C-alpha atoms as a PDB file:
ATOM      1  CA  MET A   1     148.056 120.275  82.453  1.00  0.00           C
ATOM      2  CA  SER A   2     148.454 122.352  85.399  1.00  0.00           C
ATOM      3  CA  ASN A   3     147.458 119.403  87.548  1.00  0.00           C
ATOM      4  CA  SER A   4     150.620 117.848  86.690  1.00  0.00           C
ATOM      5  CA  SER A   5     152.776 120.435  88.171  1.00  0.00           C
ATOM      6  CA  SER A   6     151.164 121.009  91.176  1.00  0.00           C
ATOM      7  CA  GLN A   7     151.857 116.951  91.891  1.00  0.00           C
ATOM      8  CA  ASP A   8     155.148 118.041  90.855  1.00  0.00           C
ATOM      9  CA  SER A   9     155.018 120.080  93.522  1.00  0.00           C
ATOM     10  CA  LYS A  10     153.464 118.172  96.101  1.00  0.00           C
ATOM     11  CA  ASP A  11     155.411 114.745  95.261  1.00  0.00           C
ATOM     12  CA  PRO A  12     158.355 113.754  97.616  1.00  0.00           C
ATOM     13  CA  LYS A  13     162.068 114.024  96.830  1.00  0.00           C
ATOM     14  CA  ARG A  14     163.460 111.459  93.872  1.00  0.00           C
ATOM     15  CA  PRO A  15     163.815 108.156  95.050  1.00  0.00           C
ATOM     16  CA  TRP A  16     167.686 108.999  95.149  1.00  0.00           C
ATOM     17  CA  GLU A  17     167.333 112.411  96.285  1.00  0.00           C
ATOM     18  CA  GLN A  18     165.967 111.199  99.665  1.00  0.00           C
ATOM     19  CA  ARG A  19     168.559 108.076  99.698  1.00  0.00           C
ATOM     20  CA  LEU A  20     171.033 110.761  99.811  1.00  0.00           C
ATOM     21  CA  HIS A  21     169.502 113.102 102.039  1.00  0.00           C
ATOM     22  CA  GLU A  22     169.060 109.988 104.253  1.00  0.00           C
ATOM     23  CA  ALA A  23     172.925 109.001 103.912  1.00  0.00           C
ATOM     24  CA  GLY A  24     173.905 112.764 104.238  1.00  0.00           C
ATOM     25  CA  SER A  25     171.535 112.286 107.965  1.00  0.00           C
ATOM     26  CA  ARG A  26     173.299 109.273 109.191  1.00  0.00           C
ATOM     27  CA  VAL A  27     177.267 110.663 107.966  1.00  0.00           C
ATOM     28  CA  GLU A  28     176.286 113.484 110.252  1.00  0.00           C
ATOM     29  CA  GLU A  29     175.078 111.756 113.193  1.00  0.00           C
ATOM     30  CA  ASP A  30     177.920 109.085 112.366  1.00  0.00           C
ATOM     31  CA  LEU A  31     180.189 112.330 112.782  1.00  0.00           C
ATOM     32  CA  ARG A  32     178.720 113.976 116.205  1.00  0.00           C
ATOM     33  CA  ARG A  33     178.900 110.544 117.484  1.00  0.00           C
ATOM     34  CA  VAL A  34     182.969 110.199 116.641  1.00  0.00           C
ATOM     35  CA  ILE A  35     183.502 113.744 117.632  1.00  0.00           C
ATOM     36  CA  LYS A  36     181.348 112.950 121.402  1.00  0.00           C
ATOM     37  CA  TYR A  37     183.586 109.820 121.764  1.00  0.00           C
ATOM     38  CA  ILE A  38     186.726 111.510 120.757  1.00  0.00           C
ATOM     39  CA  ASN A  39     185.751 114.629 123.359  1.00  0.00           C
ATOM     40  CA  ASP A  40     184.654 112.502 126.143  1.00  0.00           C
ATOM     41  CA  GLU A  41     187.306 109.352 125.754  1.00  0.00           C
ATOM     42  CA  VAL A  42     190.389 110.225 124.405  1.00  0.00           C
ATOM     43  CA  VAL A  43     191.456 113.515 124.866  1.00  0.00           C
ATOM     44  CA  PRO A  44     191.205 113.355 128.474  1.00  0.00           C
ATOM     45  CA  ASP A  45     193.600 110.011 127.992  1.00  0.00           C
ATOM     46  CA  VAL A  46     196.138 111.838 126.042  1.00  0.00           C
ATOM     47  CA  ARG A  47     196.328 114.563 128.367  1.00  0.00           C
ATOM     48  CA  ARG A  48     196.566 112.202 131.418  1.00  0.00           C
ATOM     49  CA  ASN A  49     199.188 110.554 129.754  1.00  0.00           C
ATOM     50  CA  SER A  50     200.935 113.259 127.354  1.00  0.00           C
ATOM     51  CA  SER A  51     203.536 113.696 129.645  1.00  0.00           C
ATOM     52  CA  LYS A  52     204.326 109.788 130.536  1.00  0.00           C
ATOM     53  CA  ALA A  53     204.256 110.056 126.780  1.00  0.00           C
ATOM     54  CA  LEU A  54     206.578 112.521 125.566  1.00  0.00           C
ATOM     55  CA  ARG A  55     209.110 111.226 128.423  1.00  0.00           C
ATOM     56  CA  ALA A  56     209.134 107.986 126.551  1.00  0.00           C
ATOM     57  CA  ALA A  57     209.069 109.453 123.000  1.00  0.00           C
ATOM     58  CA  ALA A  58     212.687 111.464 124.460  1.00  0.00           C
ATOM     59  CA  ALA A  59     214.490 108.544 126.089  1.00  0.00           C
ATOM     60  CA  GLU A  60     213.659 107.056 122.957  1.00  0.00           C
ATOM     61  CA  LEU A  61     215.353 109.696 120.809  1.00  0.00           C
ATOM     62  CA  HIS A  62     217.988 109.870 123.198  1.00  0.00           C
ATOM     63  CA  ARG A  63     219.149 105.747 122.790  1.00  0.00           C
ATOM     64  CA  LEU A  64     218.690 107.163 118.546  1.00  0.00           C
ATOM     65  CA  ALA A  65     221.221 109.706 119.180  1.00  0.00           C
ATOM     66  CA  GLN A  66     223.520 107.594 121.374  1.00  0.00           C
ATOM     67  CA  LYS A  67     223.350 104.860 118.747  1.00  0.00           C
ATOM     68  CA  MET A  68     224.150 107.605 115.326  1.00  0.00           C
ATOM     69  CA  ASP A  69     227.180 108.715 117.923  1.00  0.00           C
ATOM     70  CA  ASP A  70     228.170 105.416 118.594  1.00  0.00           C
ATOM     71  CA  ARG A  71     228.113 104.235 114.820  1.00  0.00           C
ATOM     72  CA  ALA A  72     229.884 107.897 113.421  1.00  0.00           C
ATOM     73  CA  GLY A  73     232.776 107.268 116.404  1.00  0.00           C
ATOM     74  CA  ARG A  74     231.313 110.506 117.660  1.00  0.00           C
ATOM     75  CA  THR A  75     231.389 111.626 121.427  1.00  0.00           C
ATOM     76  CA  PRO A  76     228.216 112.883 122.538  1.00  0.00           C
ATOM     77  CA  PRO A  77     227.411 116.678 123.290  1.00  0.00           C
ATOM     78  CA  PRO A  78     226.599 116.839 127.470  1.00  0.00           C
ATOM     79  CA  PRO A  79     222.897 116.671 128.693  1.00  0.00           C
ATOM     80  CA  PRO A  80     220.803 119.526 128.608  1.00  0.00           C
ATOM     81  CA  PRO A  81     220.910 121.437 132.008  1.00  0.00           C
ATOM     82  CA  PRO A  82     217.973 121.095 133.970  1.00  0.00           C
ATOM     83  CA  GLY A  83     214.492 122.363 133.397  1.00  0.00           C
ATOM     84  CA  GLY A  84     214.890 121.826 129.086  1.00  0.00           C
ATOM     85  CA  THR A  85     216.650 125.119 128.761  1.00  0.00           C
ATOM     86  CA  SER A  86     219.272 126.376 126.838  1.00  0.00           C
ATOM     87  CA  THR A  87     221.803 129.482 126.063  1.00  0.00           C
ATOM     88  CA  PRO A  88     221.686 130.177 122.895  1.00  0.00           C
END
């Protein structure tokens, strides 16, 4: 009996445990690659183009607000002062 106990401690992991461990390792490696890609490729591009994207979104929102005002028959409020700050 002691022989089987010593064999159990020397045996490798059960097949399903080994597969689970390997899958976890692959997922971790894939995640590292995705994070590296995002940091190296996506983030710099977003930083370069973020102000451009914000301006495009602001123009689109302005057009949408204008359409809403037109449909409601309202006169739009005056534009905000330069610099984007307003007085409370």
